[in-house]
Protein backbone atom coordinates (compact mmCIF):
# COMPACT_ATOMS: atom_id res chain seq x y z
CA MET A 1 0.00 0.00 0.00
CA SER A 2 2.93 2.36 -0.57
CA SER A 3 0.76 4.25 -3.06
CA GLY A 4 -1.83 4.94 -0.38
CA VAL A 5 -4.40 2.84 -2.25
CA ALA A 6 -6.23 0.46 0.11
CA VAL A 7 -7.32 -3.05 -0.79
CA ASN A 8 -11.05 -3.54 -0.22
CA PRO A 9 -11.80 -6.69 1.84
CA GLU A 10 -14.01 -7.92 -1.02
CA CYS A 11 -10.80 -8.47 -3.01
CA ILE A 12 -9.52 -10.90 -0.40
CA GLU A 13 -12.91 -12.66 -0.26
CA ALA A 14 -12.89 -13.01 -4.06
CA PHE A 15 -9.29 -14.26 -3.96
CA ASN A 16 -10.28 -16.93 -1.43
CA GLU A 17 -13.10 -17.99 -3.76
CA LEU A 18 -10.50 -18.24 -6.52
CA LYS A 19 -8.24 -20.44 -4.39
CA LYS A 20 -11.22 -22.72 -3.69
CA ARG A 21 -11.90 -22.77 -7.46
CA GLU A 22 -15.34 -21.27 -7.02
CA VAL A 23 -14.37 -18.69 -9.66
CA ARG A 24 -11.79 -18.87 -12.47
CA GLY A 25 -10.43 -15.39 -11.98
CA ILE A 26 -11.05 -11.89 -10.72
CA VAL A 27 -10.56 -8.51 -12.35
CA LEU A 28 -9.55 -5.77 -9.93
CA LYS A 29 -9.87 -2.05 -10.54
CA ILE A 30 -8.68 1.01 -8.66
CA ASN A 31 -11.62 3.37 -8.14
CA ASP A 32 -11.83 6.75 -9.88
CA GLU A 33 -10.68 8.58 -6.72
CA MET A 34 -7.53 6.37 -6.77
CA THR A 35 -8.08 5.43 -3.12
CA GLU A 36 -9.16 1.77 -3.18
CA ILE A 37 -8.76 -1.46 -5.14
CA GLY A 38 -12.06 -3.28 -5.62
CA VAL A 39 -13.46 -6.24 -7.51
CA GLU A 40 -14.70 -5.21 -10.94
CA LYS A 41 -15.68 -8.69 -12.09
CA LYS A 42 -15.52 -12.34 -11.12
CA LEU A 43 -14.82 -14.76 -13.95
CA THR A 44 -16.89 -17.93 -14.01
CA ALA A 45 -15.25 -21.19 -13.01
CA SER A 46 -15.33 -24.22 -15.31
CA SER A 47 -14.15 -27.76 -14.78
CA ASP A 48 -13.55 -28.21 -18.51
CA ALA A 49 -9.77 -27.95 -18.91
CA ALA A 50 -10.15 -28.15 -22.70
CA LYS A 51 -11.69 -24.68 -22.65
CA ALA A 52 -8.78 -23.09 -20.74
CA LYS A 53 -7.40 -21.25 -23.78
CA GLU A 54 -10.83 -20.00 -24.84
CA MET A 55 -11.71 -18.82 -21.34
CA TRP A 56 -8.43 -16.91 -20.97
CA GLY A 57 -8.97 -15.29 -24.37
CA ASP A 58 -12.46 -14.19 -23.37
CA ALA A 59 -11.16 -12.70 -20.12
CA ILE A 60 -8.43 -10.71 -21.90
CA LYS A 61 -10.78 -9.38 -24.59
CA GLU A 62 -12.89 -7.73 -21.89
CA LEU A 63 -9.99 -5.67 -20.53
CA PRO A 64 -10.08 -1.96 -21.45
CA GLU A 65 -7.80 -0.69 -24.21
CA SER A 66 -6.98 2.55 -22.43
CA ASP A 67 -7.06 1.79 -18.70
CA CYS A 68 -5.17 -0.46 -16.30
CA ARG A 69 -6.43 -3.46 -14.34
CA PHE A 70 -5.17 -6.29 -12.17
CA VAL A 71 -6.25 -9.81 -13.13
CA VAL A 72 -5.79 -12.72 -10.74
CA TYR A 73 -6.43 -15.95 -12.60
CA ASP A 74 -6.24 -19.71 -12.12
CA PHE A 75 -4.32 -20.36 -15.32
CA GLU A 76 -4.43 -23.93 -16.68
CA TYR A 77 -1.93 -25.14 -19.25
CA GLU A 78 0.11 -28.15 -20.27
CA HIS A 79 3.86 -28.50 -19.74
CA GLN A 80 5.84 -31.50 -20.95
CA GLY A 81 2.58 -33.37 -21.50
CA LEU A 82 1.33 -32.81 -17.96
CA PRO A 83 -1.62 -30.59 -16.98
CA LYS A 84 -0.58 -27.66 -14.81
CA SER A 85 -2.40 -24.90 -12.99
CA LYS A 86 -0.89 -21.73 -11.54
CA LEU A 87 -2.40 -18.70 -9.88
CA ILE A 88 -1.12 -15.73 -11.84
CA PHE A 89 -1.33 -12.02 -11.11
CA VAL A 90 -1.35 -9.89 -14.24
CA LYS A 91 -0.93 -6.14 -14.25
CA TRP A 92 -2.71 -4.97 -17.39
CA ALA A 93 -1.19 -1.61 -18.38
CA PRO A 94 -1.89 -0.88 -22.05
CA GLU A 95 0.16 1.69 -23.93
CA ALA A 96 -2.92 3.92 -24.32
CA ALA A 97 -3.50 4.14 -20.54
CA LYS A 98 -2.79 7.45 -18.83
CA ILE A 99 0.62 7.78 -17.20
CA LYS A 100 -0.93 8.53 -13.79
CA ALA A 101 -3.00 5.32 -13.93
CA LYS A 102 0.07 3.27 -14.85
CA MET A 103 2.02 4.77 -11.96
CA ILE A 104 -0.78 4.21 -9.42
CA TYR A 105 -1.26 0.59 -10.53
CA ALA A 106 2.49 -0.06 -10.46
CA SER A 107 2.87 1.35 -6.95
CA SER A 108 -0.27 -0.43 -5.68
CA GLN A 109 0.59 -3.87 -7.03
CA GLU A 110 2.81 -5.00 -4.16
CA GLY A 111 0.29 -3.94 -1.52
CA CYS A 112 -2.37 -5.95 -3.25
CA LEU A 113 -0.13 -9.00 -3.67
CA THR A 114 0.94 -9.09 -0.02
CA GLN A 115 -2.69 -9.80 0.89
CA MET A 116 -3.04 -12.59 -1.68
CA GLU A 117 -0.91 -15.47 -0.48
CA GLY A 118 -0.53 -18.23 -3.04
CA VAL A 119 0.01 -16.27 -6.26
CA GLY A 120 2.55 -18.29 -8.23
CA ARG A 121 3.66 -15.76 -10.83
CA GLN A 122 3.42 -12.03 -11.52
CA LEU A 123 3.20 -10.80 -15.09
CA GLN A 124 2.79 -7.46 -16.83
CA CYS A 125 0.99 -7.15 -20.13
CA THR A 126 0.70 -4.00 -22.23
CA ASP A 127 -1.21 -5.41 -25.20
CA GLU A 128 -3.17 -8.47 -26.34
CA ASP A 129 -0.06 -10.09 -27.86
CA GLU A 130 1.68 -10.16 -24.50
CA ALA A 131 -1.50 -11.50 -22.89
CA MET A 132 -2.09 -14.26 -25.46
CA TYR A 133 -2.55 -17.74 -24.00
CA GLU A 134 0.50 -19.10 -25.81
CA THR A 135 2.69 -16.24 -24.58
CA ILE A 136 1.65 -16.81 -20.96
CA VAL A 137 2.23 -20.58 -21.32
CA LYS A 138 5.77 -19.95 -22.65
CA THR A 139 6.50 -17.62 -19.75
CA LEU A 140 5.21 -20.10 -17.18
CA ALA A 141 6.94 -23.07 -18.82
CA ALA A 142 10.26 -21.19 -18.81
CA THR A 143 10.10 -21.07 -15.01
CA GLN A 144 9.26 -24.78 -14.59
CA ALA A 145 11.88 -27.38 -13.80
CA GLY A 146 12.75 -29.46 -16.85
CA TYR A 147 12.20 -32.95 -15.49
């Protein structure tokens, strides 16, 4: 919370739902007054692993083109033929976002993360190419042990 932006308790409640797999992901937004991080949207959970790529794509398409967001997501993928799942924290900061918003999100990220124990990987995406399913899989696979 070094930015002075508080994390609303509903964010922690939504994160706990995510860890229990009651939801697939959550989209977090800093309010217009830049004083609090709140839940903008909960992404529906699905037990169909075959739809993982499609569900991630749908989540990313809904992000604004000119404003920042945090996305906490139970990301499913395959690595070396084995199914994997990792809780990821994505800072969405598109090029078209205002500088002030980018700075507030960057300085608020750590405060948010400290209250969300269990996030396996932090990522930053500035456009849809960086947020593509295949790009995220490559990033996650690069940090996995090769055995």
